[in-house]
PDB file of N, CA and C in Angstrom:
ATOM      1  N   MET A   1      -5.142   0.639   7.449  1.00  0.00           N
ATOM      2  CA  MET A   1      -4.429   0.560   8.172  1.00  0.00           C
ATOM      3  C   MET A   1      -3.361  -0.369   8.072  1.00  0.00           C
ATOM      4  N   PRO A   2      -2.498  -0.398   7.778  1.00  0.00           N
ATOM      5  CA  PRO A   2      -1.475  -1.423   7.474  1.00  0.00           C
ATOM      6  C   PRO A   2      -1.043  -2.358   8.783  1.00  0.00           C
ATOM      7  N   GLU A   3      -1.084  -3.855   8.104  1.00  0.00           N
ATOM      8  CA  GLU A   3      -1.051  -5.057   8.467  1.00  0.00           C
ATOM      9  C   GLU A   3       0.351  -4.795   9.703  1.00  0.00           C
ATOM     10  N   PRO A   4      -0.051  -5.497  10.668  1.00  0.00           N
ATOM     11  CA  PRO A   4       0.817  -5.433  11.689  1.00  0.00           C
ATOM     12  C   PRO A   4       1.999  -6.282  11.481  1.00  0.00           C
ATOM     13  N   ILE A   5       3.038  -5.710  11.803  1.00  0.00           N
ATOM     14  CA  ILE A   5       4.608  -6.464  11.294  1.00  0.00           C
ATOM     15  C   ILE A   5       4.524  -7.860  12.566  1.00  0.00           C
ATOM     16  N   ARG A   6       4.772  -9.239  11.619  1.00  0.00           N
ATOM     17  CA  ARG A   6       4.768 -10.455  12.889  1.00  0.00           C
ATOM     18  C   ARG A   6       6.348 -10.537  12.833  1.00  0.00           C
ATOM     19  N   LEU A   7       7.053 -10.947  13.758  1.00  0.00           N
ATOM     20  CA  LEU A   7       8.242 -11.362  13.837  1.00  0.00           C
ATOM     21  C   LEU A   7       8.069 -13.059  13.979  1.00  0.00           C
ATOM     22  N   PRO A   8       8.861 -13.902  13.168  1.00  0.00           N
ATOM     23  CA  PRO A   8       9.016 -14.979  13.266  1.00  0.00           C
ATOM     24  C   PRO A   8       8.751 -16.262  14.567  1.00  0.00           C
ATOM     25  N   PRO A   9       7.571 -16.769  15.049  1.00  0.00           N
ATOM     26  CA  PRO A   9       7.732 -17.295  16.742  1.00  0.00           C
ATOM     27  C   PRO A   9       9.136 -18.019  16.563  1.00  0.00           C
ATOM     28  N   GLN A  10       9.281 -18.192  18.218  1.00  0.00           N
ATOM     29  CA  GLN A  10      10.623 -18.991  18.799  1.00  0.00           C
ATOM     30  C   GLN A  10      10.381 -20.289  18.597  1.00  0.00           C
ATOM     31  N   PRO A  11      11.718 -21.230  17.816  1.00  0.00           N
ATOM     32  CA  PRO A  11      11.280 -22.541  17.631  1.00  0.00           C
ATOM     33  C   PRO A  11      11.748 -23.322  19.405  1.00  0.00           C
ATOM     34  N   GLU A  12      11.882 -24.500  19.297  1.00  0.00           N
ATOM     35  CA  GLU A  12      12.567 -24.916  20.422  1.00  0.00           C
ATOM     36  C   GLU A  12      13.743 -25.276  20.424  1.00  0.00           C
ATOM     37  N   ALA A  13      14.510 -24.977  19.433  1.00  0.00           N
ATOM     38  CA  ALA A  13      16.011 -25.655  19.105  1.00  0.00           C
ATOM     39  C   ALA A  13      16.638 -24.276  18.585  1.00  0.00           C
ATOM     40  N   CYS A  14      17.811 -24.304  18.702  1.00  0.00           N
ATOM     41  CA  CYS A  14      18.903 -23.346  17.718  1.00  0.00           C
ATOM     42  C   CYS A  14      18.452 -23.482  16.077  1.00  0.00           C
ATOM     43  N   GLU A  15      18.348 -22.608  15.201  1.00  0.00           N
ATOM     44  CA  GLU A  15      17.965 -22.643  13.746  1.00  0.00           C
ATOM     45  C   GLU A  15      19.616 -23.225  13.251  1.00  0.00           C
ATOM     46  N   LEU A  16      20.140 -22.913  13.901  1.00  0.00           N
ATOM     47  CA  LEU A  16      21.977 -23.501  13.116  1.00  0.00           C
ATOM     48  C   LEU A  16      22.135 -24.945  13.528  1.00  0.00           C
ATOM     49  N   CYS A  17      22.562 -24.957  15.233  1.00  0.00           N
ATOM     50  CA  CYS A  17      23.015 -26.106  15.935  1.00  0.00           C
ATOM     51  C   CYS A  17      21.901 -27.318  15.657  1.00  0.00           C
ATOM     52  N   GLY A  18      20.742 -26.573  16.111  1.00  0.00           N
ATOM     53  CA  GLY A  18      19.449 -27.794  16.206  1.00  0.00           C
ATOM     54  C   GLY A  18      19.299 -28.228  17.713  1.00  0.00           C
ATOM     55  N   ARG A  19      20.392 -27.655  18.335  1.00  0.00           N
ATOM     56  CA  ARG A  19      20.518 -27.914  20.384  1.00  0.00           C
ATOM     57  C   ARG A  19      18.989 -27.216  20.858  1.00  0.00           C
ATOM     58  N   ALA A  20      18.338 -27.889  21.848  1.00  0.00           N
ATOM     59  CA  ALA A  20      17.938 -27.146  22.754  1.00  0.00           C
ATOM     60  C   ALA A  20      18.182 -26.303  23.858  1.00  0.00           C
ATOM     61  N   ALA A  21      18.468 -25.213  23.709  1.00  0.00           N
ATOM     62  CA  ALA A  21      19.349 -24.401  24.489  1.00  0.00           C
ATOM     63  C   ALA A  21      18.205 -22.930  24.473  1.00  0.00           C
ATOM     64  N   ALA A  22      18.810 -22.269  25.592  1.00  0.00           N
ATOM     65  CA  ALA A  22      18.222 -20.710  25.499  1.00  0.00           C
ATOM     66  C   ALA A  22      18.168 -19.946  24.499  1.00  0.00           C
ATOM     67  N   LEU A  23      17.341 -19.363  23.712  1.00  0.00           N
ATOM     68  CA  LEU A  23      17.866 -18.956  22.246  1.00  0.00           C
ATOM     69  C   LEU A  23      17.709 -17.229  22.303  1.00  0.00           C
ATOM     70  N   THR A  24      18.676 -16.784  21.924  1.00  0.00           N
ATOM     71  CA  THR A  24      18.552 -15.378  21.212  1.00  0.00           C
ATOM     72  C   THR A  24      18.036 -14.968  19.698  1.00  0.00           C
ATOM     73  N   ARG A  25      17.859 -13.760  19.386  1.00  0.00           N
ATOM     74  CA  ARG A  25      17.281 -13.713  18.017  1.00  0.00           C
ATOM     75  C   ARG A  25      18.715 -12.903  17.575  1.00  0.00           C
ATOM     76  N   HIS A  26      18.862 -13.598  16.410  1.00  0.00           N
ATOM     77  CA  HIS A  26      19.915 -12.630  15.387  1.00  0.00           C
ATOM     78  C   HIS A  26      19.091 -12.313  13.854  1.00  0.00           C
ATOM     79  N   HIS A  27      19.752 -10.787  13.924  1.00  0.00           N
ATOM     80  CA  HIS A  27      18.756 -10.176  13.217  1.00  0.00           C
ATOM     81  C   HIS A  27      19.706 -10.526  11.760  1.00  0.00           C
ATOM     82  N   LEU A  28      18.556 -11.383  10.874  1.00  0.00           N
ATOM     83  CA  LEU A  28      19.740 -11.486   9.571  1.00  0.00           C
ATOM     84  C   LEU A  28      20.281 -10.004   8.771  1.00  0.00           C
ATOM     85  N   ILE A  29      19.812  -9.019   8.505  1.00  0.00           N
ATOM     86  CA  ILE A  29      19.842  -7.601   8.140  1.00  0.00           C
ATOM     87  C   ILE A  29      20.251  -7.271   9.509  1.00  0.00           C
ATOM     88  N   PRO A  30      21.249  -6.531   9.983  1.00  0.00           N
ATOM     89  CA  PRO A  30      21.680  -5.923  11.348  1.00  0.00           C
ATOM     90  C   PRO A  30      20.649  -4.717  11.787  1.00  0.00           C
ATOM     91  N   LYS A  31      20.028  -4.726  12.665  1.00  0.00           N
ATOM     92  CA  LYS A  31      19.573  -3.692  13.239  1.00  0.00           C
ATOM     93  C   LYS A  31      20.072  -2.627  13.429  1.00  0.00           C
ATOM     94  N   ALA A  32      22.135  -2.465  13.305  1.00  0.00           N
ATOM     95  CA  ALA A  32      22.748  -0.922  13.293  1.00  0.00           C
ATOM     96  C   ALA A  32      22.783  -0.989  11.761  1.00  0.00           C
ATOM     97  N   LEU A  33      22.499  -1.403  10.974  1.00  0.00           N
ATOM     98  CA  LEU A  33      21.957  -0.840   9.330  1.00  0.00           C
ATOM     99  C   LEU A  33      20.569  -0.597   8.780  1.00  0.00           C
ATOM    100  N   HIS A  34      19.981  -0.584   9.602  1.00  0.00           N
ATOM    101  CA  HIS A  34      18.212  -0.321   8.737  1.00  0.00           C
ATOM    102  C   HIS A  34      18.391   1.200   8.420  1.00  0.00           C
ATOM    103  N   ASP A  35      18.880   1.978   9.087  1.00  0.00           N
ATOM    104  CA  ASP A  35      18.674   3.194   8.083  1.00  0.00           C
ATOM    105  C   ASP A  35      19.982   3.800   7.163  1.00  0.00           C
ATOM    106  N   LYS A  36      20.419   2.439   6.582  1.00  0.00           N
ATOM    107  CA  LYS A  36      21.584   2.973   5.786  1.00  0.00           C
ATOM    108  C   LYS A  36      20.742   2.805   4.384  1.00  0.00           C
ATOM    109  N   PRO A  37      20.982   3.980   3.428  1.00  0.00           N
ATOM    110  CA  PRO A  37      20.354   3.705   2.096  1.00  0.00           C
ATOM    111  C   PRO A  37      20.617   2.359   1.297  1.00  0.00           C
ATOM    112  N   TYR A  38      21.713   1.883   1.765  1.00  0.00           N
ATOM    113  CA  TYR A  38      22.410   0.397   0.687  1.00  0.00           C
ATOM    114  C   TYR A  38      21.251  -0.478   0.999  1.00  0.00           C
ATOM    115  N   VAL A  39      20.813  -0.247   2.411  1.00  0.00           N
ATOM    116  CA  VAL A  39      20.256  -1.457   3.284  1.00  0.00           C
ATOM    117  C   VAL A  39      18.922  -1.153   2.680  1.00  0.00           C
ATOM    118  N   GLN A  40      17.976   0.115   2.928  1.00  0.00           N
ATOM    119  CA  GLN A  40      16.758   0.581   2.610  1.00  0.00           C
ATOM    120  C   GLN A  40      16.463   0.138   1.164  1.00  0.00           C
ATOM    121  N   LYS A  41      17.664   0.160   0.320  1.00  0.00           N
ATOM    122  CA  LYS A  41      17.029  -0.441  -1.361  1.00  0.00           C
ATOM    123  C   LYS A  41      17.170  -1.401  -1.577  1.00  0.00           C
ATOM    124  N   ARG A  42      17.573  -2.319  -0.953  1.00  0.00           N
ATOM    125  CA  ARG A  42      17.713  -3.674  -1.030  1.00  0.00           C
ATOM    126  C   ARG A  42      16.558  -4.563  -0.159  1.00  0.00           C
ATOM    127  N   TYR A  43      16.138  -3.588   1.060  1.00  0.00           N
ATOM    128  CA  TYR A  43      15.080  -4.978   1.693  1.00  0.00           C
ATOM    129  C   TYR A  43      13.939  -3.803   2.354  1.00  0.00           C
ATOM    130  N   ALA A  44      12.716  -4.009   2.010  1.00  0.00           N
ATOM    131  CA  ALA A  44      11.565  -3.513   2.307  1.00  0.00           C
ATOM    132  C   ALA A  44      11.644  -3.250   4.028  1.00  0.00           C
ATOM    133  N   LYS A  45      11.177  -2.555   4.618  1.00  0.00           N
ATOM    134  CA  LYS A  45      11.304  -2.738   6.107  1.00  0.00           C
ATOM    135  C   LYS A  45      10.612  -3.521   6.921  1.00  0.00           C
ATOM    136  N   ASN A  46       9.640  -4.268   6.168  1.00  0.00           N
ATOM    137  CA  ASN A  46       8.855  -5.238   6.833  1.00  0.00           C
ATOM    138  C   ASN A  46      10.198  -6.559   6.957  1.00  0.00           C
ATOM    139  N   GLU A  47      10.929  -6.609   5.968  1.00  0.00           N
ATOM    140  CA  GLU A  47      11.888  -8.069   5.698  1.00  0.00           C
ATOM    141  C   GLU A  47      12.980  -7.193   6.554  1.00  0.00           C
ATOM    142  N   ARG A  48      13.243  -6.157   7.067  1.00  0.00           N
ATOM    143  CA  ARG A  48      14.202  -6.158   7.471  1.00  0.00           C
ATOM    144  C   ARG A  48      14.162  -6.252   9.304  1.00  0.00           C
ATOM    145  N   ILE A  49      12.749  -5.873   9.391  1.00  0.00           N
ATOM    146  CA  ILE A  49      12.149  -6.269  10.736  1.00  0.00           C
ATOM    147  C   ILE A  49      12.366  -7.498  11.033  1.00  0.00           C
ATOM    148  N   THR A  50      11.295  -8.603   9.657  1.00  0.00           N
ATOM    149  CA  THR A  50      11.096  -9.825  10.523  1.00  0.00           C
ATOM    150  C   THR A  50      12.354 -10.819  10.162  1.00  0.00           C
ATOM    151  N   ALA A  51      13.311 -10.653   8.987  1.00  0.00           N
ATOM    152  CA  ALA A  51      14.316 -11.273   8.545  1.00  0.00           C
ATOM    153  C   ALA A  51      15.345 -11.818   9.970  1.00  0.00           C
ATOM    154  N   THR A  52      14.723 -12.987  10.407  1.00  0.00           N
ATOM    155  CA  THR A  52      15.162 -13.052  11.875  1.00  0.00           C
ATOM    156  C   THR A  52      15.387 -14.925  11.956  1.00  0.00           C
ATOM    157  N   LEU A  53      16.623 -15.269  13.094  1.00  0.00           N
ATOM    158  CA  LEU A  53      16.919 -16.837  12.941  1.00  0.00           C
ATOM    159  C   LEU A  53      16.985 -16.533  14.530  1.00  0.00           C
ATOM    160  N   TRP A  54      16.378 -17.764  15.053  1.00  0.00           N
ATOM    161  CA  TRP A  54      16.448 -18.008  16.384  1.00  0.00           C
ATOM    162  C   TRP A  54      17.595 -19.295  16.960  1.00  0.00           C
ATOM    163  N   VAL A  55      18.668 -18.603  17.452  1.00  0.00           N
ATOM    164  CA  VAL A  55      20.234 -19.069  17.537  1.00  0.00           C
ATOM    165  C   VAL A  55      20.636 -19.034  19.272  1.00  0.00           C
ATOM    166  N   CYS A  56      21.247 -20.194  19.185  1.00  0.00           N
ATOM    167  CA  CYS A  56      22.133 -20.649  20.851  1.00  0.00           C
ATOM    168  C   CYS A  56      22.990 -19.165  20.927  1.00  0.00           C
ATOM    169  N   ARG A  57      23.625 -18.844  21.904  1.00  0.00           N
ATOM    170  CA  ARG A  57      24.666 -17.885  22.128  1.00  0.00           C
ATOM    171  C   ARG A  57      25.998 -18.181  21.798  1.00  0.00           C
ATOM    172  N   PRO A  58      26.210 -19.312  21.918  1.00  0.00           N
ATOM    173  CA  PRO A  58      27.349 -20.019  20.908  1.00  0.00           C
ATOM    174  C   PRO A  58      27.721 -19.646  19.852  1.00  0.00           C
ATOM    175  N   CYS A  59      26.289 -19.856  18.863  1.00  0.00           N
ATOM    176  CA  CYS A  59      26.157 -20.114  17.369  1.00  0.00           C
ATOM    177  C   CYS A  59      26.389 -18.590  17.177  1.00  0.00           C
ATOM    178  N   HIS A  60      25.226 -17.541  17.726  1.00  0.00           N
ATOM    179  CA  HIS A  60      25.337 -16.487  17.677  1.00  0.00           C
ATOM    180  C   HIS A  60      26.651 -15.364  17.624  1.00  0.00           C
ATOM    181  N   ASN A  61      27.190 -15.613  19.297  1.00  0.00           N
ATOM    182  CA  ASN A  61      28.575 -15.292  19.323  1.00  0.00           C
ATOM    183  C   ASN A  61      29.746 -15.719  17.774  1.00  0.00           C
ATOM    184  N   GLN A  62      29.532 -16.562  17.172  1.00  0.00           N
ATOM    185  CA  GLN A  62      30.217 -17.394  15.998  1.00  0.00           C
ATOM    186  C   GLN A  62      29.720 -16.366  15.000  1.00  0.00           C
ATOM    187  N   ILE A  63      28.343 -16.597  14.711  1.00  0.00           N
ATOM    188  CA  ILE A  63      28.609 -15.743  13.730  1.00  0.00           C
ATOM    189  C   ILE A  63      28.876 -14.345  13.504  1.00  0.00           C
ATOM    190  N   HIS A  64      29.236 -13.383  14.862  1.00  0.00           N
ATOM    191  CA  HIS A  64      29.221 -11.976  15.005  1.00  0.00           C
ATOM    192  C   HIS A  64      30.782 -11.778  15.122  1.00  0.00           C
ATOM    193  N   LYS A  65      31.342 -12.932  15.269  1.00  0.00           N
ATOM    194  CA  LYS A  65      33.259 -13.225  15.190  1.00  0.00           C
ATOM    195  C   LYS A  65      33.582 -13.481  14.022  1.00  0.00           C
ATOM    196  N   LEU A  66      32.863 -14.012  12.931  1.00  0.00           N
ATOM    197  CA  LEU A  66      32.998 -14.679  11.566  1.00  0.00           C
ATOM    198  C   LEU A  66      33.039 -13.110  10.670  1.00  0.00           C
ATOM    199  N   PHE A  67      31.851 -12.692  10.629  1.00  0.00           N
ATOM    200  CA  PHE A  67      31.246 -11.393   9.553  1.00  0.00           C
ATOM    201  C   PHE A  67      30.716 -10.320  10.336  1.00  0.00           C
ATOM    202  N   SER A  68      31.337  -9.189   9.184  1.00  0.00           N
ATOM    203  CA  SER A  68      31.080  -7.669   9.881  1.00  0.00           C
ATOM    204  C   SER A  68      29.811  -7.298   9.454  1.00  0.00           C
ATOM    205  N   GLU A  69      28.981  -6.436  10.096  1.00  0.00           N
ATOM    206  CA  GLU A  69      27.380  -6.511   9.828  1.00  0.00           C
ATOM    207  C   GLU A  69      27.398  -5.791   8.532  1.00  0.00           C
ATOM    208  N   LYS A  70      28.520  -5.517   7.802  1.00  0.00           N
ATOM    209  CA  LYS A  70      27.944  -5.061   6.433  1.00  0.00           C
ATOM    210  C   LYS A  70      27.890  -6.236   5.554  1.00  0.00           C
ATOM    211  N   GLU A  71      29.060  -6.926   5.821  1.00  0.00           N
ATOM    212  CA  GLU A  71      29.139  -8.783   5.328  1.00  0.00           C
ATOM    213  C   GLU A  71      27.866  -9.510   5.534  1.00  0.00           C
ATOM    214  N   LEU A  72      27.365  -9.306   6.922  1.00  0.00           N
ATOM    215  CA  LEU A  72      25.775 -10.172   7.015  1.00  0.00           C
ATOM    216  C   LEU A  72      24.989  -9.459   6.604  1.00  0.00           C
ATOM    217  N   ALA A  73      24.588  -7.978   6.459  1.00  0.00           N
ATOM    218  CA  ALA A  73      23.645  -7.227   5.597  1.00  0.00           C
ATOM    219  C   ALA A  73      23.385  -7.588   4.132  1.00  0.00           C
ATOM    220  N   LEU A  74      24.673  -7.859   3.553  1.00  0.00           N
ATOM    221  CA  LEU A  74      24.832  -8.025   2.142  1.00  0.00           C
ATOM    222  C   LEU A  74      25.064  -9.331   1.490  1.00  0.00           C
ATOM    223  N   ASN A  75      25.904 -10.031   2.443  1.00  0.00           N
ATOM    224  CA  ASN A  75      25.462 -11.326   1.863  1.00  0.00           C
ATOM    225  C   ASN A  75      25.382 -12.660   2.663  1.00  0.00           C
ATOM    226  N   TYR A  76      25.159 -12.551   3.955  1.00  0.00           N
ATOM    227  CA  TYR A  76      24.697 -13.938   4.770  1.00  0.00           C
ATOM    228  C   TYR A  76      23.670 -12.945   5.734  1.00  0.00           C
ATOM    229  N   ASN A  77      22.873 -12.911   4.609  1.00  0.00           N
ATOM    230  CA  ASN A  77      21.075 -13.039   4.939  1.00  0.00           C
ATOM    231  C   ASN A  77      20.384 -13.688   5.409  1.00  0.00           C
ATOM    232  N   SER A  78      21.146 -14.686   5.406  1.00  0.00           N
ATOM    233  CA  SER A  78      19.766 -15.966   5.305  1.00  0.00           C
ATOM    234  C   SER A  78      20.582 -17.369   5.805  1.00  0.00           C
ATOM    235  N   ARG A  79      19.908 -17.942   6.103  1.00  0.00           N
ATOM    236  CA  ARG A  79      20.498 -19.241   7.380  1.00  0.00           C
ATOM    237  C   ARG A  79      21.221 -19.693   6.519  1.00  0.00           C
ATOM    238  N   GLU A  80      20.670 -20.006   4.568  1.00  0.00           N
ATOM    239  CA  GLU A  80      21.706 -21.094   3.671  1.00  0.00           C
ATOM    240  C   GLU A  80      23.032 -20.226   3.783  1.00  0.00           C
ATOM    241  N   ALA A  81      22.405 -18.731   3.514  1.00  0.00           N
ATOM    242  CA  ALA A  81      24.191 -18.083   3.355  1.00  0.00           C
ATOM    243  C   ALA A  81      24.948 -18.474   4.289  1.00  0.00           C
ATOM    244  N   LEU A  82      24.583 -17.868   5.565  1.00  0.00           N
ATOM    245  CA  LEU A  82      25.258 -18.533   7.012  1.00  0.00           C
ATOM    246  C   LEU A  82      26.037 -19.879   6.909  1.00  0.00           C
ATOM    247  N   MET A  83      24.735 -20.952   6.473  1.00  0.00           N
ATOM    248  CA  MET A  83      25.284 -22.094   6.793  1.00  0.00           C
ATOM    249  C   MET A  83      26.175 -22.641   5.284  1.00  0.00           C
ATOM    250  N   GLY A  84      26.199 -21.672   4.395  1.00  0.00           N
ATOM    251  CA  GLY A  84      26.894 -22.360   3.110  1.00  0.00           C
ATOM    252  C   GLY A  84      28.997 -21.517   3.357  1.00  0.00           C
ATOM    253  N   ASP A  85      29.132 -20.451   4.413  1.00  0.00           N
ATOM    254  CA  ASP A  85      30.087 -20.625   4.939  1.00  0.00           C
ATOM    255  C   ASP A  85      30.998 -21.508   5.334  1.00  0.00           C
ATOM    256  N   GLU A  86      31.979 -21.942   5.143  1.00  0.00           N
ATOM    257  CA  GLU A  86      32.792 -23.413   5.793  1.00  0.00           C
ATOM    258  C   GLU A  86      33.026 -23.358   7.204  1.00  0.00           C
ATOM    259  N   ARG A  87      33.754 -21.964   7.351  1.00  0.00           N
ATOM    260  CA  ARG A  87      33.761 -21.828   8.913  1.00  0.00           C
ATOM    261  C   ARG A  87      33.009 -21.664   9.884  1.00  0.00           C
ATOM    262  N   LEU A  88      31.638 -21.368   9.483  1.00  0.00           N
ATOM    263  CA  LEU A  88      30.725 -21.517  10.059  1.00  0.00           C
ATOM    264  C   LEU A  88      29.800 -22.715  10.145  1.00  0.00           C
ATOM    265  N   ARG A  89      30.191 -23.353   9.313  1.00  0.00           N
ATOM    266  CA  ARG A  89      29.446 -24.712   8.867  1.00  0.00           C
ATOM    267  C   ARG A  89      30.091 -25.636  10.209  1.00  0.00           C
ATOM    268  N   THR A  90      31.195 -25.576   9.752  1.00  0.00           N
ATOM    269  CA  THR A  90      32.352 -26.622  10.508  1.00  0.00           C
ATOM    270  C   THR A  90      32.326 -25.921  12.062  1.00  0.00           C
ATOM    271  N   PHE A  91      31.661 -24.625  12.506  1.00  0.00           N
ATOM    272  CA  PHE A  91      31.708 -24.972  14.031  1.00  0.00           C
ATOM    273  C   PHE A  91      30.310 -25.302  14.511  1.00  0.00           C
ATOM    274  N   VAL A  92      29.062 -25.118  13.574  1.00  0.00           N
ATOM    275  CA  VAL A  92      27.776 -25.386  14.219  1.00  0.00           C
ATOM    276  C   VAL A  92      28.013 -27.059  13.893  1.00  0.00           C
ATOM    277  N   ASP A  93      28.565 -27.972  12.987  1.00  0.00           N
ATOM    278  CA  ASP A  93      28.373 -28.947  12.762  1.00  0.00           C
ATOM    279  C   ASP A  93      28.960 -29.537  14.400  1.00  0.00           C
ATOM    280  N   TRP A  94      30.695 -28.868  14.812  1.00  0.00           N
ATOM    281  CA  TRP A  94      31.429 -29.202  15.785  1.00  0.00           C
ATOM    282  C   TRP A  94      30.388 -29.159  16.946  1.00  0.00           C
ATOM    283  N   LEU A  95      29.418 -28.046  17.243  1.00  0.00           N
ATOM    284  CA  LEU A  95      28.863 -27.576  18.314  1.00  0.00           C
ATOM    285  C   LEU A  95      27.668 -28.492  18.342  1.00  0.00           C
ATOM    286  N   ALA A  96      27.003 -29.309  17.314  1.00  0.00           N
ATOM    287  CA  ALA A  96      25.413 -29.758  17.511  1.00  0.00           C
ATOM    288  C   ALA A  96      25.741 -31.301  18.201  1.00  0.00           C
ATOM    289  N   ALA A  97      27.447 -31.863  17.935  1.00  0.00           N
ATOM    290  CA  ALA A  97      27.206 -32.791  19.038  1.00  0.00           C
ATOM    291  C   ALA A  97      27.301 -32.467  20.161  1.00  0.00           C
ATOM    292  N   LYS A  98      27.053 -31.322  20.983  1.00  0.00           N
ATOM    293  CA  LYS A  98      27.705 -31.469  22.282  1.00  0.00           C
ATOM    294  C   LYS A  98      26.647 -31.001  22.887  1.00  0.00           C
ATOM    295  N   PRO A  99      26.413 -31.242  24.432  1.00  0.00           N
ATOM    296  CA  PRO A  99      25.227 -31.305  24.998  1.00  0.00           C
ATOM    297  C   PRO A  99      24.268 -30.197  25.331  1.00  0.00           C
ATOM    298  N   ALA A 100      22.842 -29.769  25.548  1.00  0.00           N
ATOM    299  CA  ALA A 100      22.346 -28.482  25.230  1.00  0.00           C
ATOM    300  C   ALA A 100      23.471 -27.228  26.357  1.00  0.00           C
ATOM    301  N   GLY A 101      23.673 -27.738  27.464  1.00  0.00           N
ATOM    302  CA  GLY A 101      24.227 -26.787  28.222  1.00  0.00           C
ATOM    303  C   GLY A 101      25.581 -26.629  28.061  1.00  0.00           C
ATOM    304  N   PHE A 102      26.395 -26.607  27.032  1.00  0.00           N
ATOM    305  CA  PHE A 102      28.017 -26.482  26.354  1.00  0.00           C
ATOM    306  C   PHE A 102      27.990 -25.363  25.900  1.00  0.00           C
ATOM    307  N   ASN A 103      28.911 -24.684  26.981  1.00  0.00           N
ATOM    308  CA  ASN A 103      29.485 -23.438  25.934  1.00  0.00           C
ATOM    309  C   ASN A 103      30.560 -23.679  25.904  1.00  0.00           C
ATOM    310  N   PRO A 104      31.074 -23.461  24.516  1.00  0.00           N
ATOM    311  CA  PRO A 104      32.157 -23.463  24.124  1.00  0.00           C
ATOM    312  C   PRO A 104      33.095 -22.509  24.560  1.00  0.00           C
ATOM    313  N   ARG A 105      34.481 -22.423  25.163  1.00  0.00           N
ATOM    314  CA  ARG A 105      35.346 -20.861  25.606  1.00  0.00           C
ATOM    315  C   ARG A 105      36.088 -20.353  24.401  1.00  0.00           C
ATOM    316  N   HIS A 106      35.720 -19.059  24.406  1.00  0.00           N
ATOM    317  CA  HIS A 106      36.371 -18.700  23.327  1.00  0.00           C
ATOM    318  C   HIS A 106      37.776 -17.756  22.994  1.00  0.00           C
TER     319      HIS A 106
END
């Protein structure tokens, strides 16, 4: 019997800005693309499911505002890759200085 797929546990704070806030799970390889051949060729099923980050809602919104699903799957599929984008890093650095309950207006 195959080993069950285990998702990473939820941390205390956002894995991008570090604020203690309500967290959402961001799939580094977007779920909407899991059945696409180009995604299936690149990533094993276990990796597609477990590659996640726990992020606060403002960080999550900003990720999806900046990148298409395909860009996320192909180029921004790790914390390091996301933070390597100057636009997202600038936002995260700005947000990190705000209090936990702060929600920016979009």
